[in-house]
């Protein structure tokens, strides 16, 4: 299967727009987080070497290194979301001509739903790290690029709220109550923490620009 991350921006947007299940919201959520991380890299790149920010030079270099790694993680999630959806789509197509086949099909669907829910949760975990970079850049990044920090956290917030929806649509049909409760708890904690950081950073960016 062709990697969607190797497509041009135009090709990817047309693939999303097409009348097919993939790529969908999960991949878009992951790509939104990719752009948030890319903006953190951009701000860090423009800050490094500036006399005004020399006291933060080592910190900024570390941010740049981390942002690059997180960008790669997010890009991998774009395609991984599709890879995890494929088995689920196939599971729903399984025949159920007998009680035994119905049982086997349901077991496979449940297994695939759990796997599908992992990708958006990993998007949240990655976004959590990206949010912390932008919070640091709010203080240590070049003021000339402060608006890009604001855009970065807004892209990240969109990614996070979208990933939440993709988790919910999968765990909604999972019968394992303990699994669902644990997933929802972890999801809620991550979403709250990340959106709080995003809102804090964005509000401060607006104040700086006014």
N, C-alpha and C. Protein backbone atom coordinates (compact mmCIF):
# COMPACT_ATOMS: atom_id res chain seq x y z
N UNK A 1 0.84 -1.20 0.00
CA UNK A 1 0.00 0.00 0.00
C UNK A 1 0.87 1.25 0.00
N UNK A 2 0.52 2.21 -0.84
CA UNK A 2 1.29 3.45 -0.93
C UNK A 2 1.15 4.25 0.36
N UNK A 3 2.28 4.81 0.79
CA UNK A 3 2.27 5.63 1.99
C UNK A 3 1.64 6.99 1.68
N UNK A 4 0.64 7.35 2.43
CA UNK A 4 -0.04 8.62 2.19
C UNK A 4 0.87 9.80 2.51
N UNK A 5 1.82 9.59 3.41
CA UNK A 5 2.71 10.70 3.77
C UNK A 5 3.67 11.05 2.64
N UNK A 6 3.73 10.19 1.62
CA UNK A 6 4.58 10.48 0.47
C UNK A 6 3.85 11.24 -0.63
N UNK A 7 2.56 11.48 -0.43
CA UNK A 7 1.77 12.22 -1.42
C UNK A 7 2.00 13.72 -1.28
N UNK A 8 1.69 14.45 -2.34
CA UNK A 8 1.74 15.92 -2.25
C UNK A 8 0.56 16.39 -1.41
N UNK A 9 0.59 17.64 -1.00
CA UNK A 9 -0.51 18.19 -0.21
C UNK A 9 -1.82 18.10 -1.00
N UNK A 10 -1.75 18.42 -2.28
CA UNK A 10 -2.94 18.38 -3.13
C UNK A 10 -3.47 16.95 -3.25
N UNK A 11 -2.56 16.00 -3.45
CA UNK A 11 -2.96 14.60 -3.60
C UNK A 11 -3.60 14.08 -2.31
N UNK A 12 -3.00 14.44 -1.18
CA UNK A 12 -3.53 13.97 0.10
C UNK A 12 -4.92 14.54 0.35
N UNK A 13 -5.11 15.81 0.06
CA UNK A 13 -6.42 16.43 0.30
C UNK A 13 -7.49 15.80 -0.60
N UNK A 14 -7.10 15.45 -1.83
CA UNK A 14 -8.06 14.80 -2.73
C UNK A 14 -8.37 13.38 -2.27
N UNK A 15 -7.38 12.70 -1.70
CA UNK A 15 -7.61 11.35 -1.16
C UNK A 15 -8.60 11.41 0.01
N UNK A 16 -8.44 12.42 0.86
CA UNK A 16 -9.36 12.60 2.00
C UNK A 16 -10.77 12.90 1.48
N UNK A 17 -10.85 13.68 0.41
CA UNK A 17 -12.15 14.10 -0.13
C UNK A 17 -12.88 12.99 -0.87
N UNK A 18 -12.14 11.97 -1.30
CA UNK A 18 -12.73 10.91 -2.13
C UNK A 18 -13.78 10.10 -1.38
N UNK A 19 -14.64 9.45 -2.16
CA UNK A 19 -15.71 8.62 -1.57
C UNK A 19 -15.16 7.26 -1.18
N UNK A 20 -14.37 7.26 -0.09
CA UNK A 20 -13.81 6.03 0.46
C UNK A 20 -13.49 6.26 1.93
N UNK A 21 -13.31 5.20 2.65
CA UNK A 21 -13.17 5.29 4.10
C UNK A 21 -11.80 5.79 4.56
N UNK A 22 -10.81 5.66 3.70
CA UNK A 22 -9.44 6.00 4.08
C UNK A 22 -8.80 6.88 3.01
N UNK A 23 -7.97 7.86 3.44
CA UNK A 23 -7.72 8.28 4.82
C UNK A 23 -8.90 9.09 5.35
N UNK A 24 -9.08 9.04 6.66
CA UNK A 24 -10.20 9.73 7.28
C UNK A 24 -9.76 10.64 8.41
N UNK A 25 -10.67 10.81 9.36
CA UNK A 25 -10.43 11.74 10.47
C UNK A 25 -9.22 11.42 11.32
N UNK A 26 -8.94 10.13 11.48
CA UNK A 26 -7.79 9.74 12.31
C UNK A 26 -6.48 10.19 11.69
N UNK A 27 -6.36 10.02 10.37
CA UNK A 27 -5.14 10.44 9.67
C UNK A 27 -5.03 11.97 9.66
N UNK A 28 -6.16 12.63 9.48
CA UNK A 28 -6.16 14.09 9.47
C UNK A 28 -5.76 14.64 10.84
N UNK A 29 -6.25 14.00 11.89
CA UNK A 29 -5.88 14.41 13.25
C UNK A 29 -4.38 14.29 13.46
N UNK A 30 -3.82 13.18 13.01
CA UNK A 30 -2.38 12.96 13.17
C UNK A 30 -1.58 13.97 12.36
N UNK A 31 -2.07 14.29 11.15
CA UNK A 31 -1.35 15.25 10.31
C UNK A 31 -1.42 16.66 10.89
N UNK A 32 -2.53 16.98 11.54
CA UNK A 32 -2.64 18.28 12.20
C UNK A 32 -1.59 18.42 13.30
N UNK A 33 -1.36 17.33 14.02
CA UNK A 33 -0.33 17.34 15.06
C UNK A 33 1.06 17.46 14.43
N UNK A 34 1.22 16.86 13.26
CA UNK A 34 2.49 16.97 12.53
C UNK A 34 2.80 18.43 12.24
N UNK A 35 1.81 19.16 11.75
CA UNK A 35 2.01 20.57 11.43
C UNK A 35 2.30 21.40 12.67
N UNK A 36 1.68 21.03 13.78
CA UNK A 36 1.95 21.73 15.05
C UNK A 36 3.40 21.55 15.46
N UNK A 37 3.91 20.34 15.27
CA UNK A 37 5.30 20.06 15.60
C UNK A 37 6.24 20.77 14.62
N UNK A 38 5.84 20.81 13.36
CA UNK A 38 6.65 21.49 12.35
C UNK A 38 6.79 22.98 12.67
N UNK A 39 5.71 23.58 13.15
CA UNK A 39 5.77 24.99 13.51
C UNK A 39 6.68 25.22 14.72
N UNK A 40 6.71 24.26 15.64
CA UNK A 40 7.64 24.37 16.77
C UNK A 40 9.08 24.34 16.25
N UNK A 41 9.34 23.48 15.28
CA UNK A 41 10.67 23.41 14.67
C UNK A 41 11.02 24.73 14.00
N UNK A 42 10.07 25.27 13.29
CA UNK A 42 10.28 26.54 12.58
C UNK A 42 10.68 27.66 13.54
N UNK A 43 9.93 27.77 14.62
CA UNK A 43 10.21 28.82 15.62
C UNK A 43 11.59 28.59 16.23
N UNK A 44 11.90 27.35 16.54
CA UNK A 44 13.20 27.03 17.13
C UNK A 44 14.33 27.36 16.15
N UNK A 45 14.15 27.01 14.88
CA UNK A 45 15.18 27.28 13.86
C UNK A 45 15.48 28.76 13.73
N UNK A 46 14.45 29.59 13.79
CA UNK A 46 14.65 31.02 13.66
C UNK A 46 15.19 31.66 14.95
N UNK A 47 15.06 30.96 16.06
CA UNK A 47 15.52 31.50 17.34
C UNK A 47 17.00 31.20 17.58
N UNK A 48 17.44 30.03 17.12
CA UNK A 48 18.83 29.62 17.31
C UNK A 48 19.79 30.62 16.65
N UNK A 49 20.79 31.03 17.43
CA UNK A 49 21.79 31.96 16.91
C UNK A 49 21.50 33.42 17.13
N UNK A 50 20.29 33.72 17.60
CA UNK A 50 19.92 35.12 17.85
C UNK A 50 20.50 35.56 19.21
N UNK A 51 21.21 36.69 19.20
CA UNK A 51 21.86 37.18 20.42
C UNK A 51 20.86 37.39 21.56
N UNK A 52 19.69 37.87 21.20
CA UNK A 52 18.67 38.18 22.20
C UNK A 52 18.23 36.96 22.99
N UNK A 53 18.41 35.77 22.38
CA UNK A 53 17.92 34.54 23.02
C UNK A 53 19.05 33.56 23.32
N UNK A 54 20.27 34.06 23.43
CA UNK A 54 21.41 33.19 23.66
C UNK A 54 21.31 32.41 24.98
N UNK A 55 20.66 33.00 25.97
CA UNK A 55 20.52 32.31 27.26
C UNK A 55 19.67 31.04 27.14
N UNK A 56 18.87 30.98 26.07
CA UNK A 56 18.01 29.82 25.85
C UNK A 56 18.54 28.89 24.75
N UNK A 57 19.73 29.17 24.25
CA UNK A 57 20.25 28.46 23.08
C UNK A 57 20.20 26.94 23.24
N UNK A 58 20.70 26.43 24.35
CA UNK A 58 20.73 24.98 24.56
C UNK A 58 19.31 24.40 24.64
N UNK A 59 18.43 25.13 25.31
CA UNK A 59 17.04 24.68 25.42
C UNK A 59 16.36 24.65 24.05
N UNK A 60 16.61 25.66 23.25
CA UNK A 60 16.00 25.75 21.93
C UNK A 60 16.51 24.64 21.02
N UNK A 61 17.77 24.34 21.12
CA UNK A 61 18.34 23.25 20.31
C UNK A 61 17.69 21.92 20.68
N UNK A 62 17.43 21.74 21.96
CA UNK A 62 16.77 20.52 22.42
C UNK A 62 15.33 20.48 21.92
N UNK A 63 14.65 21.62 21.96
CA UNK A 63 13.29 21.71 21.43
C UNK A 63 13.27 21.32 19.96
N UNK A 64 14.24 21.83 19.21
CA UNK A 64 14.32 21.53 17.78
C UNK A 64 14.48 20.03 17.54
N UNK A 65 15.35 19.43 18.31
CA UNK A 65 15.59 17.99 18.19
C UNK A 65 14.34 17.18 18.53
N UNK A 66 13.67 17.58 19.61
CA UNK A 66 12.46 16.87 20.02
C UNK A 66 11.32 17.07 19.02
N UNK A 67 11.18 18.29 18.53
CA UNK A 67 10.11 18.59 17.57
C UNK A 67 10.28 17.78 16.29
N UNK A 68 11.50 17.63 15.86
CA UNK A 68 11.76 16.85 14.65
C UNK A 68 11.36 15.39 14.85
N UNK A 69 11.71 14.83 16.00
CA UNK A 69 11.35 13.44 16.30
C UNK A 69 9.84 13.27 16.41
N UNK A 70 9.18 14.23 17.04
CA UNK A 70 7.73 14.16 17.21
C UNK A 70 7.01 14.33 15.88
N UNK A 71 7.58 15.13 15.01
CA UNK A 71 7.00 15.29 13.67
C UNK A 71 7.01 13.95 12.93
N UNK A 72 8.11 13.23 13.04
CA UNK A 72 8.21 11.91 12.40
C UNK A 72 7.20 10.93 13.00
N UNK A 73 7.04 10.99 14.32
CA UNK A 73 6.07 10.11 15.00
C UNK A 73 4.65 10.37 14.48
N UNK A 74 4.32 11.64 14.35
CA UNK A 74 2.98 12.00 13.88
C UNK A 74 2.75 11.54 12.45
N UNK A 75 3.75 11.70 11.61
CA UNK A 75 3.63 11.27 10.22
C UNK A 75 3.39 9.76 10.13
N UNK A 76 4.06 9.02 10.98
CA UNK A 76 3.86 7.57 11.00
C UNK A 76 2.43 7.23 11.40
N UNK A 77 1.85 8.02 12.28
CA UNK A 77 0.47 7.78 12.73
C UNK A 77 -0.55 8.05 11.62
N UNK A 78 -0.20 8.92 10.67
CA UNK A 78 -1.09 9.19 9.53
C UNK A 78 -1.39 7.89 8.79
N UNK A 79 -0.34 7.14 8.48
CA UNK A 79 -0.51 5.88 7.76
C UNK A 79 -0.92 4.74 8.68
N UNK A 80 -0.46 4.78 9.93
CA UNK A 80 -0.81 3.71 10.87
C UNK A 80 -2.31 3.67 11.12
N UNK A 81 -2.94 4.83 11.14
CA UNK A 81 -4.39 4.87 11.34
C UNK A 81 -5.10 4.10 10.22
N UNK A 82 -4.60 4.24 9.02
CA UNK A 82 -5.18 3.53 7.87
C UNK A 82 -4.91 2.04 7.98
N UNK A 83 -3.69 1.69 8.37
CA UNK A 83 -3.30 0.29 8.49
C UNK A 83 -4.13 -0.44 9.54
N UNK A 84 -4.50 0.25 10.60
CA UNK A 84 -5.30 -0.38 11.66
C UNK A 84 -6.78 -0.43 11.29
N UNK A 85 -7.20 0.45 10.38
CA UNK A 85 -8.60 0.43 9.96
C UNK A 85 -8.89 -0.73 9.02
N UNK A 86 -7.92 -1.07 8.18
CA UNK A 86 -8.13 -2.11 7.18
C UNK A 86 -8.61 -3.44 7.76
N UNK A 87 -7.96 -3.97 8.82
CA UNK A 87 -8.44 -5.23 9.40
C UNK A 87 -9.85 -5.11 9.97
N UNK A 88 -10.19 -3.93 10.51
CA UNK A 88 -11.53 -3.72 11.05
C UNK A 88 -12.56 -3.76 9.94
N UNK A 89 -12.25 -3.12 8.83
CA UNK A 89 -13.16 -3.13 7.68
C UNK A 89 -13.37 -4.55 7.18
N UNK A 90 -12.30 -5.33 7.17
CA UNK A 90 -12.41 -6.71 6.72
C UNK A 90 -13.20 -7.55 7.72
N UNK A 91 -13.03 -7.25 8.99
CA UNK A 91 -13.75 -8.01 10.03
C UNK A 91 -15.25 -7.84 9.89
N UNK A 92 -15.68 -6.63 9.56
CA UNK A 92 -17.12 -6.38 9.38
C UNK A 92 -17.68 -7.13 8.17
N UNK A 93 -16.82 -7.51 7.23
CA UNK A 93 -17.25 -8.22 6.04
C UNK A 93 -17.31 -9.74 6.22
N UNK A 94 -16.81 -10.22 7.35
CA UNK A 94 -16.77 -11.67 7.58
C UNK A 94 -18.18 -12.27 7.57
N UNK A 95 -18.27 -13.45 7.06
CA UNK A 95 -19.58 -14.11 6.98
C UNK A 95 -20.03 -14.57 8.36
N UNK A 96 -21.34 -14.72 8.52
CA UNK A 96 -21.91 -15.20 9.78
C UNK A 96 -23.08 -16.13 9.47
N UNK A 97 -22.75 -17.18 8.74
CA UNK A 97 -23.78 -18.13 8.31
C UNK A 97 -24.15 -19.13 9.41
N UNK A 98 -23.35 -19.14 10.47
CA UNK A 98 -23.63 -20.05 11.59
C UNK A 98 -23.32 -19.33 12.89
N UNK A 99 -23.75 -19.90 13.98
CA UNK A 99 -23.47 -19.29 15.29
C UNK A 99 -21.98 -19.23 15.55
N UNK A 100 -21.27 -20.24 15.09
CA UNK A 100 -19.82 -20.28 15.27
C UNK A 100 -19.15 -19.15 14.49
N UNK A 101 -19.60 -18.93 13.26
CA UNK A 101 -19.04 -17.85 12.45
C UNK A 101 -19.37 -16.49 13.05
N UNK A 102 -20.58 -16.36 13.59
CA UNK A 102 -20.96 -15.10 14.24
C UNK A 102 -20.05 -14.82 15.43
N UNK A 103 -19.75 -15.86 16.20
CA UNK A 103 -18.90 -15.71 17.37
C UNK A 103 -17.48 -15.31 16.97
N UNK A 104 -16.96 -15.98 15.94
CA UNK A 104 -15.60 -15.69 15.46
C UNK A 104 -15.53 -14.26 14.92
N UNK A 105 -16.57 -13.86 14.19
CA UNK A 105 -16.62 -12.50 13.64
C UNK A 105 -16.63 -11.46 14.74
N UNK A 106 -17.44 -11.66 15.75
CA UNK A 106 -17.54 -10.69 16.83
C UNK A 106 -16.22 -10.58 17.60
N UNK A 107 -15.55 -11.70 17.82
CA UNK A 107 -14.26 -11.69 18.51
C UNK A 107 -13.24 -10.88 17.71
N UNK A 108 -13.26 -11.08 16.39
CA UNK A 108 -12.32 -10.37 15.52
C UNK A 108 -12.63 -8.87 15.48
N UNK A 109 -13.91 -8.53 15.44
CA UNK A 109 -14.30 -7.11 15.45
C UNK A 109 -13.84 -6.44 16.74
N UNK A 110 -14.05 -7.10 17.85
CA UNK A 110 -13.64 -6.55 19.14
C UNK A 110 -12.12 -6.34 19.19
N UNK A 111 -11.38 -7.29 18.67
CA UNK A 111 -9.92 -7.18 18.65
C UNK A 111 -9.48 -6.00 17.78
N UNK A 112 -10.09 -5.87 16.62
CA UNK A 112 -9.74 -4.80 15.70
C UNK A 112 -10.15 -3.42 16.22
N UNK A 113 -11.27 -3.34 16.91
CA UNK A 113 -11.70 -2.07 17.49
C UNK A 113 -10.69 -1.57 18.52
N UNK A 114 -10.17 -2.48 19.32
CA UNK A 114 -9.16 -2.11 20.32
C UNK A 114 -7.89 -1.61 19.65
N UNK A 115 -7.48 -2.29 18.59
CA UNK A 115 -6.28 -1.87 17.86
C UNK A 115 -6.49 -0.52 17.20
N UNK A 116 -7.68 -0.31 16.64
CA UNK A 116 -7.97 0.95 15.97
C UNK A 116 -7.97 2.12 16.95
N UNK A 117 -8.37 1.86 18.18
CA UNK A 117 -8.42 2.92 19.20
C UNK A 117 -7.02 3.33 19.67
N UNK A 118 -6.04 2.48 19.44
CA UNK A 118 -4.68 2.77 19.91
C UNK A 118 -4.06 3.95 19.16
N UNK A 119 -4.37 4.06 17.87
CA UNK A 119 -3.72 5.10 17.06
C UNK A 119 -4.10 6.51 17.53
N UNK A 120 -5.39 6.84 17.66
CA UNK A 120 -5.71 8.18 18.15
C UNK A 120 -5.24 8.43 19.57
N UNK A 121 -5.16 7.38 20.38
CA UNK A 121 -4.62 7.58 21.73
C UNK A 121 -3.14 7.93 21.64
N UNK A 122 -2.42 7.30 20.73
CA UNK A 122 -1.01 7.63 20.53
C UNK A 122 -0.86 9.04 19.96
N UNK A 123 -1.84 9.47 19.17
CA UNK A 123 -1.83 10.85 18.68
C UNK A 123 -1.91 11.81 19.87
N UNK A 124 -2.76 11.47 20.83
CA UNK A 124 -2.88 12.31 22.03
C UNK A 124 -1.57 12.32 22.83
N UNK A 125 -0.96 11.17 22.98
CA UNK A 125 0.28 11.08 23.75
C UNK A 125 1.39 11.90 23.10
N UNK A 126 1.43 11.86 21.77
CA UNK A 126 2.43 12.64 21.05
C UNK A 126 2.11 14.13 21.14
N UNK A 127 0.84 14.46 21.03
CA UNK A 127 0.41 15.86 21.12
C UNK A 127 0.75 16.45 22.49
N UNK A 128 0.70 15.63 23.51
CA UNK A 128 1.01 16.07 24.87
C UNK A 128 2.46 16.60 24.93
N UNK A 129 3.34 15.92 24.24
CA UNK A 129 4.75 16.33 24.22
C UNK A 129 4.93 17.60 23.38
N UNK A 130 4.19 17.69 22.28
CA UNK A 130 4.29 18.86 21.42
C UNK A 130 3.77 20.11 22.14
N UNK A 131 2.71 19.95 22.90
CA UNK A 131 2.13 21.07 23.64
C UNK A 131 3.16 21.69 24.59
N UNK A 132 3.94 20.84 25.23
CA UNK A 132 4.95 21.33 26.18
C UNK A 132 6.04 22.11 25.47
N UNK A 133 6.35 21.74 24.23
CA UNK A 133 7.35 22.47 23.46
C UNK A 133 6.85 23.88 23.14
N UNK A 134 5.60 23.98 22.74
CA UNK A 134 5.04 25.30 22.42
C UNK A 134 4.93 26.18 23.67
N UNK A 135 4.64 25.57 24.79
CA UNK A 135 4.58 26.34 26.04
C UNK A 135 5.95 26.92 26.37
N UNK A 136 6.98 26.14 26.10
CA UNK A 136 8.35 26.62 26.34
C UNK A 136 8.73 27.70 25.33
N UNK A 137 8.30 27.51 24.08
CA UNK A 137 8.61 28.50 23.05
C UNK A 137 7.90 29.83 23.28
N UNK A 138 6.80 29.78 23.99
CA UNK A 138 6.09 31.01 24.34
C UNK A 138 7.01 31.97 25.08
N UNK A 139 7.90 31.41 25.88
CA UNK A 139 8.84 32.21 26.67
C UNK A 139 10.20 32.35 25.99
N UNK A 140 10.68 31.27 25.41
CA UNK A 140 12.06 31.22 24.91
C UNK A 140 12.21 31.43 23.41
N UNK A 141 11.10 31.37 22.68
CA UNK A 141 11.18 31.52 21.23
C UNK A 141 11.22 32.97 20.80
N UNK A 142 11.67 33.19 19.58
CA UNK A 142 11.74 34.55 19.03
C UNK A 142 10.36 35.18 18.96
N UNK A 143 10.28 36.41 19.45
CA UNK A 143 9.01 37.14 19.42
C UNK A 143 8.54 37.43 17.99
N UNK A 144 9.47 37.39 17.07
CA UNK A 144 9.12 37.62 15.67
C UNK A 144 8.24 36.50 15.12
N UNK A 145 8.26 35.35 15.80
CA UNK A 145 7.48 34.21 15.34
C UNK A 145 6.43 33.78 16.36
N UNK A 146 6.06 34.69 17.24
CA UNK A 146 5.12 34.34 18.31
C UNK A 146 3.76 33.92 17.74
N UNK A 147 3.37 34.50 16.59
CA UNK A 147 2.08 34.12 15.99
C UNK A 147 2.10 32.66 15.54
N UNK A 148 3.29 32.18 15.15
CA UNK A 148 3.41 30.79 14.71
C UNK A 148 3.26 29.82 15.89
N UNK A 149 3.65 30.27 17.06
CA UNK A 149 3.41 29.48 18.27
C UNK A 149 1.91 29.36 18.51
N UNK A 150 1.21 30.49 18.32
CA UNK A 150 -0.24 30.48 18.48
C UNK A 150 -0.94 29.59 17.48
N UNK A 151 -0.50 29.65 16.24
CA UNK A 151 -1.07 28.78 15.21
C UNK A 151 -0.77 27.32 15.54
N UNK A 152 0.44 27.08 16.02
CA UNK A 152 0.83 25.71 16.38
C UNK A 152 -0.07 25.08 17.42
N UNK A 153 -0.40 25.82 18.47
CA UNK A 153 -1.25 25.24 19.51
C UNK A 153 -2.69 25.10 19.05
N UNK A 154 -3.12 25.96 18.13
CA UNK A 154 -4.47 25.80 17.59
C UNK A 154 -4.57 24.57 16.69
N UNK A 155 -3.54 24.33 15.90
CA UNK A 155 -3.49 23.11 15.10
C UNK A 155 -3.47 21.89 16.03
N UNK A 156 -2.74 22.01 17.11
CA UNK A 156 -2.63 20.91 18.06
C UNK A 156 -3.95 20.64 18.76
N UNK A 157 -4.64 21.70 19.12
CA UNK A 157 -5.94 21.54 19.78
C UNK A 157 -6.94 20.86 18.85
N UNK A 158 -6.91 21.25 17.59
CA UNK A 158 -7.78 20.60 16.60
C UNK A 158 -7.45 19.11 16.50
N UNK A 159 -6.16 18.80 16.51
CA UNK A 159 -5.72 17.41 16.45
C UNK A 159 -6.22 16.62 17.64
N UNK A 160 -6.10 17.21 18.81
CA UNK A 160 -6.48 16.54 20.06
C UNK A 160 -7.97 16.27 20.14
N UNK A 161 -8.77 17.29 19.84
CA UNK A 161 -10.23 17.10 19.89
C UNK A 161 -10.71 16.13 18.82
N UNK A 162 -10.00 16.10 17.70
CA UNK A 162 -10.34 15.16 16.63
C UNK A 162 -9.96 13.73 17.02
N UNK A 163 -8.79 13.58 17.62
CA UNK A 163 -8.35 12.26 18.08
C UNK A 163 -9.32 11.71 19.13
N UNK A 164 -9.84 12.60 19.96
CA UNK A 164 -10.82 12.19 20.97
C UNK A 164 -12.04 11.57 20.30
N UNK A 165 -12.53 12.19 19.25
CA UNK A 165 -13.69 11.66 18.53
C UNK A 165 -13.39 10.29 17.95
N UNK A 166 -12.17 10.12 17.45
CA UNK A 166 -11.80 8.84 16.86
C UNK A 166 -11.66 7.73 17.89
N UNK A 167 -11.29 8.10 19.10
CA UNK A 167 -11.27 7.13 20.19
C UNK A 167 -12.69 6.75 20.56
N UNK A 168 -13.53 7.76 20.72
CA UNK A 168 -14.92 7.52 21.14
C UNK A 168 -15.68 6.64 20.16
N UNK A 169 -15.47 6.84 18.86
CA UNK A 169 -16.21 6.05 17.87
C UNK A 169 -15.80 4.59 17.90
N UNK A 170 -14.57 4.33 18.34
CA UNK A 170 -14.10 2.94 18.43
C UNK A 170 -14.51 2.28 19.74
N UNK A 171 -14.31 2.97 20.86
CA UNK A 171 -14.62 2.33 22.15
C UNK A 171 -16.13 2.22 22.38
N UNK A 172 -16.91 2.97 21.62
CA UNK A 172 -18.37 2.91 21.74
C UNK A 172 -18.89 1.49 21.51
N UNK A 173 -18.20 0.74 20.66
CA UNK A 173 -18.67 -0.60 20.28
C UNK A 173 -17.84 -1.72 20.89
N UNK A 174 -16.98 -1.36 21.85
CA UNK A 174 -16.17 -2.37 22.53
C UNK A 174 -16.91 -2.87 23.77
N UNK A 175 -17.01 -4.18 23.90
CA UNK A 175 -17.79 -4.78 24.99
C UNK A 175 -17.01 -4.86 26.31
N UNK A 176 -15.68 -4.80 26.23
CA UNK A 176 -14.83 -4.92 27.40
C UNK A 176 -14.95 -3.64 28.24
N UNK A 177 -15.76 -3.69 29.27
CA UNK A 177 -16.07 -2.50 30.08
C UNK A 177 -14.83 -1.92 30.73
N UNK A 178 -13.98 -2.77 31.28
CA UNK A 178 -12.76 -2.29 31.95
C UNK A 178 -11.84 -1.58 30.95
N UNK A 179 -11.70 -2.15 29.77
CA UNK A 179 -10.87 -1.54 28.72
C UNK A 179 -11.41 -0.16 28.37
N UNK A 180 -12.69 -0.06 28.17
CA UNK A 180 -13.33 1.20 27.80
C UNK A 180 -13.15 2.25 28.89
N UNK A 181 -13.36 1.87 30.12
CA UNK A 181 -13.22 2.80 31.24
C UNK A 181 -11.79 3.32 31.35
N UNK A 182 -10.82 2.42 31.23
CA UNK A 182 -9.42 2.81 31.32
C UNK A 182 -9.01 3.72 30.16
N UNK A 183 -9.49 3.39 28.98
CA UNK A 183 -9.17 4.20 27.80
C UNK A 183 -9.77 5.58 27.92
N UNK A 184 -11.02 5.63 28.35
CA UNK A 184 -11.71 6.91 28.46
C UNK A 184 -11.05 7.79 29.52
N UNK A 185 -10.63 7.18 30.62
CA UNK A 185 -9.97 7.94 31.68
C UNK A 185 -8.66 8.54 31.18
N UNK A 186 -7.87 7.72 30.51
CA UNK A 186 -6.60 8.21 29.98
C UNK A 186 -6.83 9.28 28.93
N UNK A 187 -7.81 9.06 28.07
CA UNK A 187 -8.15 10.03 27.04
C UNK A 187 -8.55 11.37 27.65
N UNK A 188 -9.46 11.33 28.61
CA UNK A 188 -9.97 12.56 29.23
C UNK A 188 -8.83 13.34 29.90
N UNK A 189 -7.94 12.64 30.58
CA UNK A 189 -6.81 13.30 31.25
C UNK A 189 -5.89 13.99 30.26
N UNK A 190 -5.60 13.30 29.16
CA UNK A 190 -4.73 13.87 28.14
C UNK A 190 -5.38 15.06 27.46
N UNK A 191 -6.63 14.91 27.08
CA UNK A 191 -7.34 16.00 26.38
C UNK A 191 -7.42 17.24 27.26
N UNK A 192 -7.75 17.05 28.51
CA UNK A 192 -7.84 18.20 29.42
C UNK A 192 -6.49 18.90 29.58
N UNK A 193 -5.45 18.11 29.80
CA UNK A 193 -4.13 18.70 30.02
C UNK A 193 -3.64 19.45 28.77
N UNK A 194 -3.79 18.83 27.62
CA UNK A 194 -3.30 19.44 26.38
C UNK A 194 -4.09 20.69 26.01
N UNK A 195 -5.40 20.60 26.08
CA UNK A 195 -6.22 21.77 25.71
C UNK A 195 -6.00 22.93 26.67
N UNK A 196 -5.75 22.62 27.93
CA UNK A 196 -5.43 23.69 28.90
C UNK A 196 -4.15 24.41 28.49
N UNK A 197 -3.14 23.63 28.09
CA UNK A 197 -1.88 24.23 27.66
C UNK A 197 -2.10 25.05 26.39
N UNK A 198 -2.83 24.48 25.45
CA UNK A 198 -3.08 25.18 24.19
C UNK A 198 -3.82 26.50 24.41
N UNK A 199 -4.83 26.48 25.26
CA UNK A 199 -5.59 27.70 25.54
C UNK A 199 -4.72 28.73 26.24
N UNK A 200 -3.90 28.27 27.19
CA UNK A 200 -3.00 29.17 27.92
C UNK A 200 -2.02 29.84 26.96
N UNK A 201 -1.39 29.05 26.11
CA UNK A 201 -0.41 29.58 25.17
C UNK A 201 -1.08 30.53 24.18
N UNK A 202 -2.22 30.14 23.64
CA UNK A 202 -2.91 30.97 22.65
C UNK A 202 -3.33 32.32 23.23
N UNK A 203 -3.89 32.28 24.43
CA UNK A 203 -4.32 33.52 25.08
C UNK A 203 -3.15 34.45 25.33
N UNK A 204 -2.01 33.88 25.70
CA UNK A 204 -0.81 34.70 25.94
C UNK A 204 -0.26 35.26 24.63
N UNK A 205 -0.33 34.47 23.57
CA UNK A 205 0.11 34.96 22.26
C UNK A 205 -0.74 36.14 21.82
N UNK A 206 -2.06 36.03 22.00
CA UNK A 206 -2.95 37.13 21.64
C UNK A 206 -2.63 38.38 22.44
N UNK A 207 -2.40 38.21 23.74
CA UNK A 207 -2.05 39.35 24.59
C UNK A 207 -0.77 40.04 24.12
N UNK A 208 0.20 39.23 23.70
CA UNK A 208 1.47 39.79 23.23
C UNK A 208 1.25 40.58 21.93
N UNK A 209 0.37 40.10 21.09
CA UNK A 209 0.15 40.73 19.78
C UNK A 209 -0.73 41.97 19.84
N UNK A 210 -1.52 42.08 20.91
CA UNK A 210 -2.43 43.25 21.00
C UNK A 210 -1.67 44.52 21.38
